[in-house]
């Protein structure tokens, strides 16, 4: 015959014993068991070797100067029979300038005729500051201030053209004229007396921009 034992929580249990059993039951059912952490495993092998550095690319061309400054230079002034006494700072073209930014060149030439002793008989020639690009032939504007005492608007000035052959820095000076009635305007060689008579007070100007070699 089974025993009819009182159960936990019955009133006929001793109250302190009943409370202790309830507390024990709670501890057993809610306790979390934490395992012991195992040792750290060994470090894996390193990756493969670093690849070789690629070759350095070619150096690019030098860019133009950010702020190129004007350079003073004295282009050669010549003609058959032309003579003058000016040298260095009194050379006829001493106050000429150019600026170069990369391949682009801009120039300004002034010819002061104050030291000329003979104006000669040949075509007047000047010179570019640096060689032009291969196979290029350029035309530049210019003018003659024949008599600075006379306004250029009142006959004291004549228009010029300056040009060069391919591969040359020599500028040949021409004046503009009509070939004849109802005909095109053409160039003709600029020399003393054609189209004007120069004096030591006269000045010649040529300027332009071109691509350098």
C-alpha atoms as a PDB file:
ATOM      1  CA  UNK A   1       0.000   0.000   0.000  1.00  0.00           C
ATOM      2  CA  UNK A   2       1.614   3.303  -1.000  1.00  0.00           C
ATOM      3  CA  UNK A   3       2.569   5.867   1.524  1.00  0.00           C
ATOM      4  CA  UNK A   4       0.429   8.930   1.554  1.00  0.00           C
ATOM      5  CA  UNK A   5       3.191  11.457   2.151  1.00  0.00           C
ATOM      6  CA  UNK A   6       2.494  15.124   2.334  1.00  0.00           C
ATOM      7  CA  UNK A   7       3.575  17.120  -0.718  1.00  0.00           C
ATOM      8  CA  UNK A   8       5.711  20.207  -0.842  1.00  0.00           C
ATOM      9  CA  UNK A   9       3.565  23.161   0.033  1.00  0.00           C
ATOM     10  CA  UNK A  10       1.044  21.248   2.164  1.00  0.00           C
ATOM     11  CA  UNK A  11       0.086  23.019   5.337  1.00  0.00           C
ATOM     12  CA  UNK A  12       1.008  20.090   7.481  1.00  0.00           C
ATOM     13  CA  UNK A  13       4.654  20.396   6.497  1.00  0.00           C
ATOM     14  CA  UNK A  14       6.803  22.329   8.749  1.00  0.00           C
ATOM     15  CA  UNK A  15       6.741  25.834   7.365  1.00  0.00           C
ATOM     16  CA  UNK A  16      10.534  26.467   7.416  1.00  0.00           C
ATOM     17  CA  UNK A  17      11.200  23.111   5.756  1.00  0.00           C
ATOM     18  CA  UNK A  18       8.618  23.780   3.101  1.00  0.00           C
ATOM     19  CA  UNK A  19      10.194  27.191   2.312  1.00  0.00           C
ATOM     20  CA  UNK A  20      13.669  25.656   2.054  1.00  0.00           C
ATOM     21  CA  UNK A  21      12.452  23.007  -0.387  1.00  0.00           C
ATOM     22  CA  UNK A  22      10.784  25.628  -2.568  1.00  0.00           C
ATOM     23  CA  UNK A  23      14.000  27.697  -2.632  1.00  0.00           C
ATOM     24  CA  UNK A  24      16.074  24.617  -3.517  1.00  0.00           C
ATOM     25  CA  UNK A  25      13.727  23.712  -6.325  1.00  0.00           C
ATOM     26  CA  UNK A  26      13.995  27.244  -7.735  1.00  0.00           C
ATOM     27  CA  UNK A  27      17.790  27.171  -7.654  1.00  0.00           C
ATOM     28  CA  UNK A  28      17.957  23.824  -9.446  1.00  0.00           C
ATOM     29  CA  UNK A  29      15.556  24.784 -12.246  1.00  0.00           C
ATOM     30  CA  UNK A  30      17.015  28.272 -12.953  1.00  0.00           C
ATOM     31  CA  UNK A  31      20.737  27.735 -12.599  1.00  0.00           C
ATOM     32  CA  UNK A  32      22.740  28.150 -15.797  1.00  0.00           C
ATOM     33  CA  UNK A  33      25.827  26.026 -16.202  1.00  0.00           C
ATOM     34  CA  UNK A  34      28.726  27.854 -17.969  1.00  0.00           C
ATOM     35  CA  UNK A  35      31.330  25.667 -19.550  1.00  0.00           C
ATOM     36  CA  UNK A  36      35.059  26.299 -19.303  1.00  0.00           C
ATOM     37  CA  UNK A  37      36.547  28.160 -22.341  1.00  0.00           C
ATOM     38  CA  UNK A  38      38.946  25.955 -24.249  1.00  0.00           C
ATOM     39  CA  UNK A  39      42.491  26.983 -25.215  1.00  0.00           C
ATOM     40  CA  UNK A  40      43.089  29.270 -28.246  1.00  0.00           C
ATOM     41  CA  UNK A  41      43.922  27.379 -31.397  1.00  0.00           C
ATOM     42  CA  UNK A  42      47.188  27.913 -33.284  1.00  0.00           C
ATOM     43  CA  UNK A  43      47.521  30.869 -35.740  1.00  0.00           C
ATOM     44  CA  UNK A  44      46.982  29.903 -39.361  1.00  0.00           C
ATOM     45  CA  UNK A  45      49.726  30.181 -41.985  1.00  0.00           C
ATOM     46  CA  UNK A  46      50.514  33.639 -43.557  1.00  0.00           C
ATOM     47  CA  UNK A  47      49.159  34.525 -46.994  1.00  0.00           C
ATOM     48  CA  UNK A  48      51.161  34.323 -50.221  1.00  0.00           C
ATOM     49  CA  UNK A  49      54.082  36.698 -51.035  1.00  0.00           C
ATOM     50  CA  UNK A  50      53.409  40.351 -52.164  1.00  0.00           C
ATOM     51  CA  UNK A  51      53.479  40.779 -55.936  1.00  0.00           C
ATOM     52  CA  UNK A  52      56.287  42.731 -57.636  1.00  0.00           C
ATOM     53  CA  UNK A  53      55.883  46.531 -58.092  1.00  0.00           C
ATOM     54  CA  UNK A  54      54.963  47.521 -61.644  1.00  0.00           C
ATOM     55  CA  UNK A  55      57.289  49.602 -63.805  1.00  0.00           C
ATOM     56  CA  UNK A  56      57.136  53.430 -63.513  1.00  0.00           C
ATOM     57  CA  UNK A  57      55.456  55.114 -66.475  1.00  0.00           C
ATOM     58  CA  UNK A  58      57.268  57.571 -68.720  1.00  0.00           C
ATOM     59  CA  UNK A  59      57.536  61.186 -67.537  1.00  0.00           C
ATOM     60  CA  UNK A  60      55.077  63.494 -69.278  1.00  0.00           C
ATOM     61  CA  UNK A  61      56.185  66.645 -71.100  1.00  0.00           C
ATOM     62  CA  UNK A  62      56.810  69.802 -69.088  1.00  0.00           C
ATOM     63  CA  UNK A  63      53.779  72.069 -69.038  1.00  0.00           C
ATOM     64  CA  UNK A  64      53.950  75.730 -69.954  1.00  0.00           C
ATOM     65  CA  UNK A  65      55.007  78.249 -67.353  1.00  0.00           C
ATOM     66  CA  UNK A  66      52.046  79.525 -65.356  1.00  0.00           C
ATOM     67  CA  UNK A  67      53.137  83.134 -65.576  1.00  0.00           C
ATOM     68  CA  UNK A  68      55.657  83.648 -68.399  1.00  0.00           C
ATOM     69  CA  UNK A  69      57.415  86.993 -68.333  1.00  0.00           C
ATOM     70  CA  UNK A  70      58.363  89.234 -71.288  1.00  0.00           C
ATOM     71  CA  UNK A  71      61.918  88.788 -72.540  1.00  0.00           C
ATOM     72  CA  UNK A  72      63.765  91.699 -74.132  1.00  0.00           C
ATOM     73  CA  UNK A  73      65.755  90.807 -77.228  1.00  0.00           C
ATOM     74  CA  UNK A  74      67.286  92.591 -80.217  1.00  0.00           C
ATOM     75  CA  UNK A  75      66.214  90.965 -83.490  1.00  0.00           C
ATOM     76  CA  UNK A  76      68.592  91.429 -86.394  1.00  0.00           C
ATOM     77  CA  UNK A  77      67.689  94.399 -88.611  1.00  0.00           C
ATOM     78  CA  UNK A  78      69.230  94.212 -92.082  1.00  0.00           C
ATOM     79  CA  UNK A  79      69.068  95.280 -95.733  1.00  0.00           C
ATOM     80  CA  UNK A  80      71.514  95.615 -98.586  1.00  0.00           C
ATOM     81  CA  UNK A  81      73.566  98.766 -97.963  1.00  0.00           C
ATOM     82  CA  UNK A  82      71.966  99.472 -94.556  1.00  0.00           C
ATOM     83  CA  UNK A  83      74.370 100.847 -91.927  1.00  0.00           C
ATOM     84  CA  UNK A  84      73.902 102.247 -88.431  1.00  0.00           C
ATOM     85  CA  UNK A  85      76.053 103.062 -85.427  1.00  0.00           C
ATOM     86  CA  UNK A  86      73.756 101.757 -82.679  1.00  0.00           C
ATOM     87  CA  UNK A  87      74.982  98.797 -80.592  1.00  0.00           C
ATOM     88  CA  UNK A  88      73.787  97.111 -77.396  1.00  0.00           C
ATOM     89  CA  UNK A  89      71.234  99.457 -75.765  1.00  0.00           C
ATOM     90  CA  UNK A  90      71.232 101.761 -78.829  1.00  0.00           C
ATOM     91  CA  UNK A  91      70.821  98.938 -81.390  1.00  0.00           C
ATOM     92  CA  UNK A  92      67.780  99.810 -83.567  1.00  0.00           C
ATOM     93  CA  UNK A  93      65.633  96.936 -82.215  1.00  0.00           C
ATOM     94  CA  UNK A  94      66.830  97.017 -78.597  1.00  0.00           C
ATOM     95  CA  UNK A  95      63.357  97.736 -77.125  1.00  0.00           C
ATOM     96  CA  UNK A  96      61.729  94.616 -78.632  1.00  0.00           C
ATOM     97  CA  UNK A  97      60.105  91.910 -76.475  1.00  0.00           C
ATOM     98  CA  UNK A  98      58.568  88.450 -76.690  1.00  0.00           C
ATOM     99  CA  UNK A  99      56.713  86.054 -74.381  1.00  0.00           C
ATOM    100  CA  UNK A 100      56.729  82.272 -74.777  1.00  0.00           C
ATOM    101  CA  UNK A 101      54.260  79.900 -73.079  1.00  0.00           C
ATOM    102  CA  UNK A 102      55.010  76.367 -74.189  1.00  0.00           C
ATOM    103  CA  UNK A 103      54.858  76.368 -77.991  1.00  0.00           C
ATOM    104  CA  UNK A 104      52.992  79.670 -78.206  1.00  0.00           C
ATOM    105  CA  UNK A 105      55.092  82.780 -78.902  1.00  0.00           C
ATOM    106  CA  UNK A 106      53.922  86.403 -78.975  1.00  0.00           C
ATOM    107  CA  UNK A 107      56.371  89.115 -80.035  1.00  0.00           C
ATOM    108  CA  UNK A 108      56.611  92.880 -80.411  1.00  0.00           C
ATOM    109  CA  UNK A 109      59.338  94.499 -82.512  1.00  0.00           C
ATOM    110  CA  UNK A 110      60.148  98.183 -82.663  1.00  0.00           C
ATOM    111  CA  UNK A 111      62.877  99.531 -84.961  1.00  0.00           C
ATOM    112  CA  UNK A 112      64.291 102.890 -83.930  1.00  0.00           C
ATOM    113  CA  UNK A 113      66.104 104.411 -86.904  1.00  0.00           C
ATOM    114  CA  UNK A 114      67.825 107.218 -84.976  1.00  0.00           C
ATOM    115  CA  UNK A 115      71.351 105.768 -85.434  1.00  0.00           C
ATOM    116  CA  UNK A 116      71.025 104.874 -89.139  1.00  0.00           C
ATOM    117  CA  UNK A 117      73.768 106.407 -91.305  1.00  0.00           C
ATOM    118  CA  UNK A 118      72.677 104.822 -94.605  1.00  0.00           C
ATOM    119  CA  UNK A 119      69.212 103.410 -95.337  1.00  0.00           C
ATOM    120  CA  UNK A 120      70.563 101.175 -98.104  1.00  0.00           C
ATOM    121  CA  UNK A 121      68.808  99.995-101.234  1.00  0.00           C
ATOM    122  CA  UNK A 122      67.578  96.490-100.404  1.00  0.00           C
ATOM    123  CA  UNK A 123      64.464  95.005 -98.802  1.00  0.00           C
ATOM    124  CA  UNK A 124      64.332  95.462 -95.031  1.00  0.00           C
ATOM    125  CA  UNK A 125      64.403  92.309 -92.923  1.00  0.00           C
ATOM    126  CA  UNK A 126      63.868  91.450 -89.267  1.00  0.00           C
ATOM    127  CA  UNK A 127      64.004  88.249 -87.212  1.00  0.00           C
ATOM    128  CA  UNK A 128      61.676  86.046 -85.114  1.00  0.00           C
ATOM    129  CA  UNK A 129      62.696  85.394 -81.472  1.00  0.00           C
ATOM    130  CA  UNK A 130      62.530  81.577 -81.751  1.00  0.00           C
ATOM    131  CA  UNK A 131      62.238  79.146 -84.651  1.00  0.00           C
ATOM    132  CA  UNK A 132      58.700  78.529 -85.954  1.00  0.00           C
ATOM    133  CA  UNK A 133      57.131  75.071 -86.182  1.00  0.00           C
ATOM    134  CA  UNK A 134      58.253  72.980 -89.146  1.00  0.00           C
ATOM    135  CA  UNK A 135      56.553  73.632 -92.490  1.00  0.00           C
ATOM    136  CA  UNK A 136      54.779  76.738 -91.195  1.00  0.00           C
ATOM    137  CA  UNK A 137      54.828  80.078 -93.019  1.00  0.00           C
ATOM    138  CA  UNK A 138      53.265  83.050 -91.227  1.00  0.00           C
ATOM    139  CA  UNK A 139      52.201  86.595 -92.049  1.00  0.00           C
ATOM    140  CA  UNK A 140      52.310  89.290 -89.358  1.00  0.00           C
ATOM    141  CA  UNK A 141      50.984  92.825 -89.235  1.00  0.00           C
ATOM    142  CA  UNK A 142      53.195  95.887 -89.046  1.00  0.00           C
ATOM    143  CA  UNK A 143      53.338  99.558 -89.834  1.00  0.00           C
ATOM    144  CA  UNK A 144      55.766 102.418 -90.445  1.00  0.00           C
ATOM    145  CA  UNK A 145      55.490 105.615 -88.439  1.00  0.00           C
ATOM    146  CA  UNK A 146      57.233 107.726 -91.038  1.00  0.00           C
ATOM    147  CA  UNK A 147      57.177 111.038 -89.196  1.00  0.00           C
ATOM    148  CA  UNK A 148      56.212 111.004 -85.485  1.00  0.00           C
ATOM    149  CA  UNK A 149      55.471 114.735 -85.805  1.00  0.00           C
ATOM    150  CA  UNK A 150      52.582 113.879 -88.149  1.00  0.00           C
ATOM    151  CA  UNK A 151      49.489 112.006 -86.959  1.00  0.00           C
ATOM    152  CA  UNK A 152      49.293 108.435 -88.308  1.00  0.00           C
ATOM    153  CA  UNK A 153      45.758 109.303 -89.405  1.00  0.00           C
ATOM    154  CA  UNK A 154      47.016 112.142 -91.609  1.00  0.00           C
ATOM    155  CA  UNK A 155      49.453 110.357 -93.893  1.00  0.00           C
ATOM    156  CA  UNK A 156      52.220 109.768 -91.390  1.00  0.00           C
ATOM    157  CA  UNK A 157      51.934 105.999 -91.467  1.00  0.00           C
ATOM    158  CA  UNK A 158      51.963 103.061 -93.895  1.00  0.00           C
ATOM    159  CA  UNK A 159      50.836  99.456 -93.405  1.00  0.00           C
ATOM    160  CA  UNK A 160      53.361  96.610 -93.581  1.00  0.00           C
ATOM    161  CA  UNK A 161      53.240  92.836 -93.787  1.00  0.00           C
ATOM    162  CA  UNK A 162      56.062  90.643 -92.458  1.00  0.00           C
ATOM    163  CA  UNK A 163      56.391  87.014 -93.513  1.00  0.00           C
ATOM    164  CA  UNK A 164      58.883  84.154 -93.417  1.00  0.00           C
ATOM    165  CA  UNK A 165      59.578  80.977 -95.361  1.00  0.00           C
ATOM    166  CA  UNK A 166      59.176  77.519 -93.805  1.00  0.00           C
ATOM    167  CA  UNK A 167      62.021  76.719 -91.408  1.00  0.00           C
ATOM    168  CA  UNK A 168      63.312  80.312 -91.392  1.00  0.00           C
ATOM    169  CA  UNK A 169      63.343  82.965 -88.646  1.00  0.00           C
ATOM    170  CA  UNK A 170      63.998  85.806 -91.133  1.00  0.00           C
ATOM    171  CA  UNK A 171      61.061  88.179 -91.584  1.00  0.00           C
ATOM    172  CA  UNK A 172      60.802  89.839 -95.010  1.00  0.00           C
ATOM    173  CA  UNK A 173      59.042  93.214 -94.850  1.00  0.00           C
ATOM    174  CA  UNK A 174      56.517  94.230 -97.513  1.00  0.00           C
ATOM    175  CA  UNK A 175      54.120  97.081 -98.050  1.00  0.00           C
ATOM    176  CA  UNK A 176      50.637  96.721 -99.531  1.00  0.00           C
ATOM    177  CA  UNK A 177      49.670  98.112-102.929  1.00  0.00           C
ATOM    178  CA  UNK A 178      47.126  97.616-105.676  1.00  0.00           C
ATOM    179  CA  UNK A 179      48.401  95.681-108.658  1.00  0.00           C
ATOM    180  CA  UNK A 180      46.401  97.927-110.968  1.00  0.00           C
ATOM    181  CA  UNK A 181      42.917  99.290-111.604  1.00  0.00           C
ATOM    182  CA  UNK A 182      40.204  96.875-110.445  1.00  0.00           C
ATOM    183  CA  UNK A 183      42.825  94.355-109.328  1.00  0.00           C
ATOM    184  CA  UNK A 184      43.699  92.620-106.082  1.00  0.00           C
ATOM    185  CA  UNK A 185      45.908  94.141-103.413  1.00  0.00           C
ATOM    186  CA  UNK A 186      49.380  92.615-103.397  1.00  0.00           C
ATOM    187  CA  UNK A 187      52.639  92.858-101.476  1.00  0.00           C
ATOM    188  CA  UNK A 188      55.739  94.657-102.692  1.00  0.00           C
ATOM    189  CA  UNK A 189      59.251  94.832-101.231  1.00  0.00           C
ATOM    190  CA  UNK A 190      59.705  97.457 -98.522  1.00  0.00           C
ATOM    191  CA  UNK A 191      62.925  99.448 -99.044  1.00  0.00           C
ATOM    192  CA  UNK A 192      64.038 103.057 -98.770  1.00  0.00           C
ATOM    193  CA  UNK A 193      61.787 105.268-100.913  1.00  0.00           C
ATOM    194  CA  UNK A 194      59.282 102.441-101.520  1.00  0.00           C
ATOM    195  CA  UNK A 195      56.601 103.219-100.433  1.00  0.00           C
ATOM    196  CA  UNK A 196      57.954 106.041 -98.207  1.00  0.00           C
ATOM    197  CA  UNK A 197      61.226 107.805 -97.527  1.00  0.00           C
ATOM    198  CA  UNK A 198      62.497 107.000 -94.064  1.00  0.00           C
ATOM    199  CA  UNK A 199      64.418 109.398 -91.814  1.00  0.00           C
ATOM    200  CA  UNK A 200      66.236 108.955 -88.516  1.00  0.00           C
ATOM    201  CA  UNK A 201      62.986 110.015 -86.815  1.00  0.00           C
ATOM    202  CA  UNK A 202      61.016 107.122 -88.381  1.00  0.00           C
ATOM    203  CA  UNK A 203      60.040 103.942 -86.522  1.00  0.00           C
ATOM    204  CA  UNK A 204      58.966 100.507 -87.751  1.00  0.00           C
ATOM    205  CA  UNK A 205      56.641  98.200 -85.775  1.00  0.00           C
ATOM    206  CA  UNK A 206      55.846  94.491 -86.265  1.00  0.00           C
ATOM    207  CA  UNK A 207      53.964  92.173 -83.908  1.00  0.00           C
ATOM    208  CA  UNK A 208      52.324  88.765 -83.959  1.00  0.00           C
ATOM    209  CA  UNK A 209      51.771  85.340 -82.425  1.00  0.00           C
ATOM    210  CA  UNK A 210      52.853  81.971 -83.796  1.00  0.00           C
ATOM    211  CA  UNK A 211      53.633  78.342 -82.897  1.00  0.00           C
ATOM    212  CA  UNK A 212      57.255  77.556 -82.124  1.00  0.00           C
ATOM    213  CA  UNK A 213      59.152  74.460 -83.221  1.00  0.00           C
END
